C-alpha atoms as a PDB file:
ATOM      1  CA  MET A   1      -8.607   9.256  18.033  1.00  0.00           C
ATOM      2  CA  THR A   2      -6.607   7.092  15.514  1.00  0.00           C
ATOM      3  CA  SER A   3      -4.231   9.371  13.664  1.00  0.00           C
ATOM      4  CA  ILE A   4      -3.199   8.287  10.548  1.00  0.00           C
ATOM      5  CA  TYR A   5      -0.008  10.063   8.347  1.00  0.00           C
ATOM      6  CA  PHE A   6      -0.303   9.562   4.642  1.00  0.00           C
ATOM      7  CA  VAL A   7       2.421   9.438   1.741  1.00  0.00           C
ATOM      8  CA  TYR A   8       1.472   9.750  -1.533  1.00  0.00           C
ATOM      9  CA  ARG A   9       3.186   8.202  -4.261  1.00  0.00           C
ATOM     10  CA  SER A  10       3.113   9.304  -7.564  1.00  0.00           C
ATOM     11  CA  THR A  11       4.950   9.976 -11.320  1.00  0.00           C
ATOM     12  CA  ALA A  12       3.249  11.767 -13.968  1.00  0.00           C
ATOM     13  CA  GLY A  13       3.106   9.179 -16.470  1.00  0.00           C
ATOM     14  CA  ASP A  14       1.595   5.969 -16.247  1.00  0.00           C
ATOM     15  CA  ASN A  15       2.873   2.320 -17.096  1.00  0.00           C
ATOM     16  CA  GLY A  16       0.781   1.339 -20.101  1.00  0.00           C
ATOM     17  CA  LYS A  17      -0.864  -1.366 -18.318  1.00  0.00           C
ATOM     18  CA  ALA A  18      -4.471  -1.860 -19.788  1.00  0.00           C
ATOM     19  CA  ARG A  19      -7.157   0.247 -17.441  1.00  0.00           C
ATOM     20  CA  HIS A  20     -10.317   1.313 -17.777  1.00  0.00           C
ATOM     21  CA  SER A  21     -11.113   4.167 -20.077  1.00  0.00           C
ATOM     22  CA  TYR A  22     -12.152   6.723 -17.248  1.00  0.00           C
ATOM     23  CA  PHE A  23      -9.169   5.802 -15.512  1.00  0.00           C
ATOM     24  CA  MET A  24      -6.919   8.884 -15.010  1.00  0.00           C
ATOM     25  CA  LYS A  25      -4.432  10.132 -12.422  1.00  0.00           C
ATOM     26  CA  ASP A  26      -5.831  12.980 -11.999  1.00  0.00           C
ATOM     27  CA  LEU A  27      -9.369  11.202 -10.983  1.00  0.00           C
ATOM     28  CA  ALA A  28      -7.450   9.181  -8.506  1.00  0.00           C
ATOM     29  CA  LEU A  29      -5.711  12.309  -7.040  1.00  0.00           C
ATOM     30  CA  GLU A  30      -9.231  13.886  -6.739  1.00  0.00           C
ATOM     31  CA  SER A  31     -10.923  10.476  -5.381  1.00  0.00           C
ATOM     32  CA  PHE A  32      -8.280  10.755  -2.685  1.00  0.00           C
ATOM     33  CA  ALA A  33      -8.750  13.958  -2.044  1.00  0.00           C
ATOM     34  CA  ARG A  34     -12.372  13.230  -1.038  1.00  0.00           C
ATOM     35  CA  ALA A  35     -11.162  10.416   1.094  1.00  0.00           C
ATOM     36  CA  VAL A  36      -8.736  12.043   2.977  1.00  0.00           C
ATOM     37  CA  SER A  37     -10.829  15.680   3.778  1.00  0.00           C
ATOM     38  CA  HIS A  38     -13.341  13.554   6.004  1.00  0.00           C
ATOM     39  CA  VAL A  39     -10.402  12.019   8.372  1.00  0.00           C
ATOM     40  CA  GLN A  40      -7.832  14.856   9.912  1.00  0.00           C
ATOM     41  CA  SER A  41      -4.250  14.171   8.733  1.00  0.00           C
ATOM     42  CA  THR A  42      -1.138  15.162   7.089  1.00  0.00           C
ATOM     43  CA  THR A  43      -0.119  14.193   3.435  1.00  0.00           C
ATOM     44  CA  THR A  44       3.190  14.396   2.097  1.00  0.00           C
ATOM     45  CA  PHE A  45       3.392  14.043  -1.939  1.00  0.00           C
ATOM     46  CA  LEU A  46       6.578  12.331  -3.097  1.00  0.00           C
ATOM     47  CA  ASN A  47       6.684  13.445  -7.054  1.00  0.00           C
ATOM     48  CA  ASP A  48       8.953  11.134  -9.030  1.00  0.00           C
ATOM     49  CA  GLY A  49       9.787  13.580 -11.909  1.00  0.00           C
ATOM     50  CA  PRO A  50       7.860  16.474 -12.975  1.00  0.00           C
ATOM     51  CA  MET A  51       3.733  17.065 -12.651  1.00  0.00           C
ATOM     52  CA  PRO A  52       1.652  18.892 -14.962  1.00  0.00           C
ATOM     53  CA  SER A  53       1.035  22.154 -13.637  1.00  0.00           C
ATOM     54  CA  PRO A  54      -3.077  21.441 -12.762  1.00  0.00           C
ATOM     55  CA  ARG A  55      -2.026  17.996 -10.798  1.00  0.00           C
ATOM     56  CA  LEU A  56       0.892  20.260  -9.299  1.00  0.00           C
ATOM     57  CA  ASN A  57      -0.760  22.726  -7.565  1.00  0.00           C
ATOM     58  CA  ARG A  58      -3.867  20.347  -6.804  1.00  0.00           C
ATOM     59  CA  MET A  59      -1.166  18.894  -4.632  1.00  0.00           C
ATOM     60  CA  HIS A  60      -0.131  21.918  -3.158  1.00  0.00           C
ATOM     61  CA  SER A  61      -3.698  22.237  -2.255  1.00  0.00           C
ATOM     62  CA  LEU A  62      -3.813  19.578  -0.129  1.00  0.00           C
ATOM     63  CA  GLY A  63      -0.683  18.745   1.711  1.00  0.00           C
ATOM     64  CA  LYS A  64       3.376  19.294   1.517  1.00  0.00           C
ATOM     65  CA  VAL A  65       5.008  18.303  -2.013  1.00  0.00           C
ATOM     66  CA  ARG A  66       8.673  17.029  -2.533  1.00  0.00           C
ATOM     67  CA  GLY A  67      10.338  16.330  -5.877  1.00  0.00           C
ATOM     68  CA  LEU A  68      12.670  13.853  -6.408  1.00  0.00           C
ATOM     69  CA  PRO A  69      14.858  13.502  -9.531  1.00  0.00           C
ATOM     70  CA  GLY A  70      13.369  10.080 -11.202  1.00  0.00           C
ATOM     71  CA  VAL A  71      14.335   7.743  -9.449  1.00  0.00           C
ATOM     72  CA  GLY A  72      12.071   5.390  -9.886  1.00  0.00           C
ATOM     73  CA  TYR A  73       9.192   3.131  -8.056  1.00  0.00           C
ATOM     74  CA  SER A  74      11.466   1.287  -5.791  1.00  0.00           C
ATOM     75  CA  ARG A  75      13.674   4.435  -4.989  1.00  0.00           C
ATOM     76  CA  SER A  76      10.784   6.672  -4.002  1.00  0.00           C
ATOM     77  CA  TYR A  77       9.440   3.804  -1.808  1.00  0.00           C
ATOM     78  CA  ARG A  78      12.899   4.287   0.193  1.00  0.00           C
ATOM     79  CA  VAL A  79      12.611   7.536  -0.081  1.00  0.00           C
ATOM     80  CA  ALA A  80       8.835   6.687   1.886  1.00  0.00           C
ATOM     81  CA  LEU A  81      10.267   4.665   3.895  1.00  0.00           C
ATOM     82  CA  SER A  82      13.135   7.154   5.038  1.00  0.00           C
ATOM     83  CA  MET A  83      10.620   9.311   6.365  1.00  0.00           C
ATOM     84  CA  LEU A  84       9.983   7.140   9.933  1.00  0.00           C
ATOM     85  CA  ASP A  85      13.273   8.462  10.771  1.00  0.00           C
ATOM     86  CA  SER A  86      12.921  12.083   9.760  1.00  0.00           C
ATOM     87  CA  HIS A  87       9.248  12.493  11.555  1.00  0.00           C
ATOM     88  CA  ASP A  88       8.400  12.325  15.041  1.00  0.00           C
ATOM     89  CA  TRP A  89       5.832   9.972  14.225  1.00  0.00           C
ATOM     90  CA  PRO A  90       4.507   8.082  17.628  1.00  0.00           C
ATOM     91  CA  ASP A  91       4.961   5.077  17.193  1.00  0.00           C
ATOM     92  CA  ASP A  92       1.136   3.522  17.854  1.00  0.00           C
ATOM     93  CA  GLU A  93       0.089   5.763  15.692  1.00  0.00           C
ATOM     94  CA  PHE A  94       0.217   4.914  11.226  1.00  0.00           C
ATOM     95  CA  VAL A  95       1.286   5.929   8.480  1.00  0.00           C
ATOM     96  CA  TYR A  96      -0.656   5.046   5.044  1.00  0.00           C
ATOM     97  CA  PHE A  97       1.921   4.847   2.155  1.00  0.00           C
ATOM     98  CA  ALA A  98      -0.489   5.550  -1.030  1.00  0.00           C
ATOM     99  CA  GLY A  99      -0.292   5.311  -4.467  1.00  0.00           C
ATOM    100  CA  ASP A 100      -1.396   7.220  -7.843  1.00  0.00           C
ATOM    101  CA  GLN A 101      -3.170   4.578  -9.323  1.00  0.00           C
ATOM    102  CA  TYR A 102      -6.438   4.014  -7.025  1.00  0.00           C
ATOM    103  CA  PRO A 103      -9.801   5.392  -7.426  1.00  0.00           C
ATOM    104  CA  ASN A 104     -11.334   5.334  -3.060  1.00  0.00           C
ATOM    105  CA  MET A 105     -14.729   5.149  -2.292  1.00  0.00           C
ATOM    106  CA  ASP A 106     -15.325   8.185   0.130  1.00  0.00           C
ATOM    107  CA  ASN A 107     -15.173   6.882   3.612  1.00  0.00           C
ATOM    108  CA  ILE A 108     -11.962   4.899   2.859  1.00  0.00           C
ATOM    109  CA  PHE A 109      -9.987   6.188   5.446  1.00  0.00           C
ATOM    110  CA  VAL A 110     -12.887   6.091   8.111  1.00  0.00           C
ATOM    111  CA  VAL A 111     -13.136   2.612   7.435  1.00  0.00           C
ATOM    112  CA  LEU A 112      -9.365   2.533   7.918  1.00  0.00           C
ATOM    113  CA  ARG A 113      -9.302   4.351  11.147  1.00  0.00           C
ATOM    114  CA  TRP A 114     -11.758   2.154  12.990  1.00  0.00           C
ATOM    115  CA  ALA A 115      -9.622  -0.907  11.837  1.00  0.00           C
ATOM    116  CA  ALA A 116      -6.521   0.556  12.966  1.00  0.00           C
ATOM    117  CA  ALA A 117      -7.742   1.524  16.247  1.00  0.00           C
ATOM    118  CA  SER A 118      -9.522  -2.141  16.842  1.00  0.00           C
ATOM    119  CA  ILE A 119      -7.774  -4.796  15.264  1.00  0.00           C
ATOM    120  CA  LYS A 120      -5.036  -5.247  17.946  1.00  0.00           C
ATOM    121  CA  VAL A 121      -3.246  -8.081  16.635  1.00  0.00           C
ATOM    122  CA  ALA A 122      -2.474  -6.608  13.320  1.00  0.00           C
ATOM    123  CA  ASP A 123      -0.060  -4.356  12.226  1.00  0.00           C
ATOM    124  CA  PHE A 124      -0.503  -3.965   8.181  1.00  0.00           C
ATOM    125  CA  PHE A 125      -3.723  -2.863   6.677  1.00  0.00           C
ATOM    126  CA  ILE A 126      -4.773  -2.644   2.966  1.00  0.00           C
ATOM    127  CA  LEU A 127      -7.632  -1.530   1.385  1.00  0.00           C
ATOM    128  CA  TYR A 128      -8.182  -3.669  -1.511  1.00  0.00           C
ATOM    129  CA  ASN A 129      -8.302  -7.227  -2.456  1.00  0.00           C
ATOM    130  CA  HIS A 130      -6.565  -8.252  -5.293  1.00  0.00           C
ATOM    131  CA  PRO A 131      -7.802 -11.218  -7.121  1.00  0.00           C
ATOM    132  CA  ASP A 132      -4.701 -13.301  -6.463  1.00  0.00           C
ATOM    133  CA  CYS A 133      -6.411 -13.738  -2.722  1.00  0.00           C
ATOM    134  CA  GLU A 134      -9.455 -15.372  -3.850  1.00  0.00           C
ATOM    135  CA  THR A 135      -8.200 -17.449  -6.969  1.00  0.00           C
ATOM    136  CA  LEU A 136      -4.335 -18.471  -6.323  1.00  0.00           C
ATOM    137  CA  PRO A 137      -3.283 -21.247  -3.961  1.00  0.00           C
ATOM    138  CA  VAL A 138      -0.276 -19.789  -2.529  1.00  0.00           C
ATOM    139  CA  HIS A 139      -2.834 -17.030  -1.188  1.00  0.00           C
ATOM    140  CA  ARG A 140      -6.428 -19.002  -0.694  1.00  0.00           C
ATOM    141  CA  GLU A 141      -4.571 -21.596   1.456  1.00  0.00           C
ATOM    142  CA  TYR A 142      -2.627 -19.068   3.805  1.00  0.00           C
ATOM    143  CA  ARG A 143      -4.426 -18.486   6.584  1.00  0.00           C
ATOM    144  CA  PRO A 144      -2.070 -17.633   9.816  1.00  0.00           C
ATOM    145  CA  SER A 145      -5.454 -16.663  12.079  1.00  0.00           C
ATOM    146  CA  ARG A 146      -8.693 -18.366  11.110  1.00  0.00           C
ATOM    147  CA  ARG A 147     -10.559 -15.094  12.698  1.00  0.00           C
ATOM    148  CA  LEU A 148     -12.051 -12.402  11.152  1.00  0.00           C
ATOM    149  CA  TRP A 149     -12.413  -8.815  12.574  1.00  0.00           C
ATOM    150  CA  SER A 150     -15.645  -7.078  11.894  1.00  0.00           C
ATOM    151  CA  ALA A 151     -14.547  -2.754  11.602  1.00  0.00           C
ATOM    152  CA  GLY A 152     -15.886  -0.149   9.646  1.00  0.00           C
ATOM    153  CA  GLY A 153     -18.955  -1.845   8.060  1.00  0.00           C
ATOM    154  CA  HIS A 154     -16.514  -4.417   6.533  1.00  0.00           C
ATOM    155  CA  THR A 155     -15.529  -7.958   7.410  1.00  0.00           C
ATOM    156  CA  TRP A 156     -11.507  -8.191   7.742  1.00  0.00           C
ATOM    157  CA  ARG A 157      -9.198 -11.570   7.316  1.00  0.00           C
ATOM    158  CA  PRO A 158      -5.551 -11.722   6.813  1.00  0.00           C
ATOM    159  CA  VAL A 159      -4.263 -12.052   3.425  1.00  0.00           C
ATOM    160  CA  ARG A 160      -0.161 -13.154   2.908  1.00  0.00           C
ATOM    161  CA  SER A 161       0.748 -10.525   0.639  1.00  0.00           C
ATOM    162  CA  THR A 162       0.475  -7.299  -0.949  1.00  0.00           C
ATOM    163  CA  CYS A 163       2.493  -4.442  -3.044  1.00  0.00           C
ATOM    164  CA  MET A 164       4.013  -1.566  -1.631  1.00  0.00           C
ATOM    165  CA  SER A 165       0.536   0.571  -1.173  1.00  0.00           C
ATOM    166  CA  PHE A 166      -0.542   0.137   2.456  1.00  0.00           C
ATOM    167  CA  CYS A 167      -1.077   1.067   6.303  1.00  0.00           C
ATOM    168  CA  ALA A 168       1.645   0.095   8.558  1.00  0.00           C
ATOM    169  CA  ARG A 169       1.583   0.834  11.962  1.00  0.00           C
ATOM    170  CA  VAL A 170       4.644   3.446  12.856  1.00  0.00           C
ATOM    171  CA  GLY A 171       6.627   0.830  15.591  1.00  0.00           C
ATOM    172  CA  ALA A 172       5.858  -2.372  13.485  1.00  0.00           C
ATOM    173  CA  LEU A 173       7.273  -0.522  10.883  1.00  0.00           C
ATOM    174  CA  ARG A 174      10.088   0.822  12.691  1.00  0.00           C
ATOM    175  CA  ARG A 175      10.853  -3.061  13.661  1.00  0.00           C
ATOM    176  CA  ALA A 176      12.172  -3.982  10.772  1.00  0.00           C
ATOM    177  CA  PRO A 177      12.945  -1.461   7.588  1.00  0.00           C
ATOM    178  CA  TRP A 178      15.580  -3.115   6.367  1.00  0.00           C
ATOM    179  CA  LEU A 179      13.283  -5.995   5.091  1.00  0.00           C
ATOM    180  CA  HIS A 180      11.549  -3.507   3.417  1.00  0.00           C
ATOM    181  CA  PHE A 181      14.770  -1.624   2.069  1.00  0.00           C
ATOM    182  CA  LEU A 182      15.641  -5.552   1.313  1.00  0.00           C
ATOM    183  CA  ALA A 183      13.009  -5.598  -0.979  1.00  0.00           C
ATOM    184  CA  SER A 184      12.557  -2.451  -2.978  1.00  0.00           C
ATOM    185  CA  ARG A 185      16.669  -2.761  -4.339  1.00  0.00           C
ATOM    186  CA  ASN A 186      16.961  -1.245  -7.586  1.00  0.00           C
ATOM    187  CA  ASP A 187      14.014  -1.806 -10.056  1.00  0.00           C
ATOM    188  CA  CYS A 188      13.086  -4.868  -8.603  1.00  0.00           C
ATOM    189  CA  ARG A 189      10.049  -5.113  -5.941  1.00  0.00           C
ATOM    190  CA  GLY A 190      10.261  -8.422  -3.897  1.00  0.00           C
ATOM    191  CA  ASP A 191       6.981  -7.645  -2.228  1.00  0.00           C
ATOM    192  CA  PHE A 192       5.312 -11.050  -2.232  1.00  0.00           C
ATOM    193  CA  ASP A 193       8.877 -12.312  -0.675  1.00  0.00           C
ATOM    194  CA  LEU A 194       8.875  -9.385   2.127  1.00  0.00           C
ATOM    195  CA  TRP A 195       5.488 -10.167   3.241  1.00  0.00           C
ATOM    196  CA  SER A 196       6.116 -13.801   3.130  1.00  0.00           C
ATOM    197  CA  VAL A 197       8.875 -14.007   5.191  1.00  0.00           C
ATOM    198  CA  SER A 198       7.882 -10.859   7.314  1.00  0.00           C
ATOM    199  CA  GLN A 199       4.725 -12.834   8.558  1.00  0.00           C
ATOM    200  CA  ARG A 200       6.980 -16.450   8.499  1.00  0.00           C
ATOM    201  CA  ALA A 201       4.357 -17.763   5.697  1.00  0.00           C
ATOM    202  CA  PRO A 202       4.834 -21.724   6.053  1.00  0.00           C
ATOM    203  CA  GLY A 203       6.598 -23.544   3.275  1.00  0.00           C
ATOM    204  CA  PHE A 204       7.512 -20.034   1.996  1.00  0.00           C
ATOM    205  CA  ARG A 205      10.750 -20.507  -0.436  1.00  0.00           C
ATOM    206  CA  VAL A 206      12.600 -17.182  -2.274  1.00  0.00           C
ATOM    207  CA  LEU A 207      11.572 -17.694  -5.481  1.00  0.00           C
ATOM    208  CA  GLY A 208      12.055 -14.360  -6.772  1.00  0.00           C
ATOM    209  CA  SER A 209      10.737 -12.491 -10.141  1.00  0.00           C
ATOM    210  CA  PRO A 210      10.867 -14.532 -13.350  1.00  0.00           C
ATOM    211  CA  VAL A 211      11.906 -11.283 -15.205  1.00  0.00           C
ATOM    212  CA  ASP A 212      13.960 -10.075 -12.819  1.00  0.00           C
ATOM    213  CA  PRO A 213      15.562 -12.548 -10.575  1.00  0.00           C
ATOM    214  CA  TRP A 214      17.177 -11.942  -7.409  1.00  0.00           C
ATOM    215  CA  SER A 215      21.111 -12.385  -7.488  1.00  0.00           C
ATOM    216  CA  LEU A 216      22.564 -14.426  -5.244  1.00  0.00           C
ATOM    217  CA  ALA A 217      23.894 -11.387  -2.948  1.00  0.00           C
ATOM    218  CA  ASP A 218      20.446 -10.898  -2.296  1.00  0.00           C
ATOM    219  CA  LEU A 219      19.147 -13.771  -1.884  1.00  0.00           C
ATOM    220  CA  GLU A 220      21.455 -14.685   0.900  1.00  0.00           C
ATOM    221  CA  ALA A 221      20.572 -11.401   2.350  1.00  0.00           C
ATOM    222  CA  LEU A 222      17.304 -12.278   2.392  1.00  0.00           C
ATOM    223  CA  LYS A 223      17.700 -15.496   3.751  1.00  0.00           C
ATOM    224  CA  LEU A 224      19.982 -14.208   6.712  1.00  0.00           C
ATOM    225  CA  ALA A 225      16.982 -11.733   6.989  1.00  0.00           C
ATOM    226  CA  ALA A 226      14.258 -14.478   7.461  1.00  0.00           C
ATOM    227  CA  LYS A 227      16.827 -16.353   9.874  1.00  0.00           C
ATOM    228  CA  GLY A 228      17.279 -13.140  11.794  1.00  0.00           C
ATOM    229  CA  LEU A 229      13.295 -13.361  12.985  1.00  0.00           C
ATOM    230  CA  LYS A 230      13.999 -16.152  14.758  1.00  0.00           C
ATOM    231  CA  GLY A 231      10.122 -17.564  14.240  1.00  0.00           C
ATOM    232  CA  ARG A 232       9.065 -14.052  14.896  1.00  0.00           C
ATOM    233  CA  ALA A 233       6.524 -12.457  12.810  1.00  0.00           C
ATOM    234  CA  THR A 234       6.889  -8.676  12.307  1.00  0.00           C
ATOM    235  CA  GLY A 235       3.472  -8.070  12.143  1.00  0.00           C
ATOM    236  CA  LEU A 236      -0.125  -9.127  10.687  1.00  0.00           C
ATOM    237  CA  LEU A 237      -1.227  -8.040   7.355  1.00  0.00           C
ATOM    238  CA  VAL A 238      -5.131  -7.755   6.816  1.00  0.00           C
ATOM    239  CA  ALA A 239      -7.553  -6.840   4.158  1.00  0.00           C
ATOM    240  CA  PRO A 240     -11.021  -5.764   4.157  1.00  0.00           C
ATOM    241  CA  PHE A 241     -13.521  -7.935   1.857  1.00  0.00           C
ATOM    242  CA  PRO A 242     -15.424  -6.218   0.096  1.00  0.00           C
ATOM    243  CA  GLY A 243     -12.406  -3.610  -0.454  1.00  0.00           C
ATOM    244  CA  PRO A 244     -13.575  -0.171  -0.566  1.00  0.00           C
ATOM    245  CA  ALA A 245     -10.287   0.323  -2.966  1.00  0.00           C
ATOM    246  CA  CYS A 246      -9.428  -1.040  -6.171  1.00  0.00           C
ATOM    247  CA  GLN A 247      -5.974  -1.068  -8.153  1.00  0.00           C
ATOM    248  CA  MET A 248      -7.614  -0.156 -11.650  1.00  0.00           C
ATOM    249  CA  GLN A 249      -5.358  -2.681 -13.908  1.00  0.00           C
ATOM    250  CA  LEU A 250      -7.436  -4.841 -16.407  1.00  0.00           C
ATOM    251  CA  PRO A 251      -8.927  -7.574 -15.759  1.00  0.00           C
ATOM    252  CA  HIS A 252      -8.758  -7.304 -11.800  1.00  0.00           C
ATOM    253  CA  VAL A 253     -11.320  -4.801 -11.105  1.00  0.00           C
ATOM    254  CA  SER A 254     -14.133  -6.168  -9.284  1.00  0.00           C
ATOM    255  CA  ASP A 255     -17.694  -4.344  -9.952  1.00  0.00           C
ATOM    256  CA  ASP A 256     -17.087  -1.660 -12.233  1.00  0.00           C
ATOM    257  CA  ARG A 257     -19.917  -0.287 -11.619  1.00  0.00           C
ATOM    258  CA  VAL A 258     -18.768   0.887  -8.624  1.00  0.00           C
ATOM    259  CA  TRP A 259     -15.763   2.335  -9.479  1.00  0.00           C
ATOM    260  CA  SER A 260     -17.304   4.457 -12.828  1.00  0.00           C
ATOM    261  CA  ALA A 261     -19.522   6.016  -9.930  1.00  0.00           C
ATOM    262  CA  VAL A 262     -16.359   6.455  -8.102  1.00  0.00           C
ATOM    263  CA  ALA A 263     -14.533   8.191 -11.197  1.00  0.00           C
ATOM    264  CA  GLU A 264     -17.854   9.856 -11.852  1.00  0.00           C
ATOM    265  CA  ARG A 265     -17.767  11.426  -8.483  1.00  0.00           C
ATOM    266  CA  ALA A 266     -14.085  12.663  -8.536  1.00  0.00           C
ATOM    267  CA  CYS A 267     -14.804  13.998 -12.199  1.00  0.00           C
ATOM    268  CA  ARG A 268     -17.331  16.320 -11.115  1.00  0.00           C
ATOM    269  CA  ALA A 269     -15.284  17.520  -8.497  1.00  0.00           C
ATOM    270  CA  SER A 270     -12.134  18.179 -10.269  1.00  0.00           C
END
């Protein structure tokens, strides 16, 4: 059976983005706990800064807890990546970098395990479909393959990019960790650039963030990284439609009735 190791990155506070009133990080944690109970796995919690005592106690009941001294989102991601060196995870198994702002359907990781085991051409998996994938031309027109795969009761297809919450084949992530380290420099997250470069998206140009643009040195490093790939993709990224997870930022929440029900079940369990 395919093994998945979980790394759950969390902070005590929220980032202030608009979300539904029922969303709370405690409920996101409980929905994660319900989902992970359906698969045999281990979880490491990377807590960036102090946690409320009830939440911290719950994490201790679910797995190992490692505290970080408020290093920020990007640096905590680098700590998560470093676990590839400090843990003897086999290359043919999987690691899931989870965030603390996602409600999860109960069977989500069963779905993921089926997909990871059966979609052999994919090395990276996400569990929610961001509306950008359906609306923005830069995403909608990206289809390196017209193939569709059926796994875990969902249809999976290639997508261009995602954020820093995803599942990866351990060996694929070990082949090019430098791309992920480069994309998480300082506090500017270059996730779109990361996935576009790693998948060799046609017509891709490094633009950077309009708020925190890439420095000249970063741009040159990324261009060299892309050139170093010599036309080879580091791994196909696929997503299920519909998605069994959701990022709760408004207005990008599909079928709110589903996620309010997930929150209600998690609330009863907490």
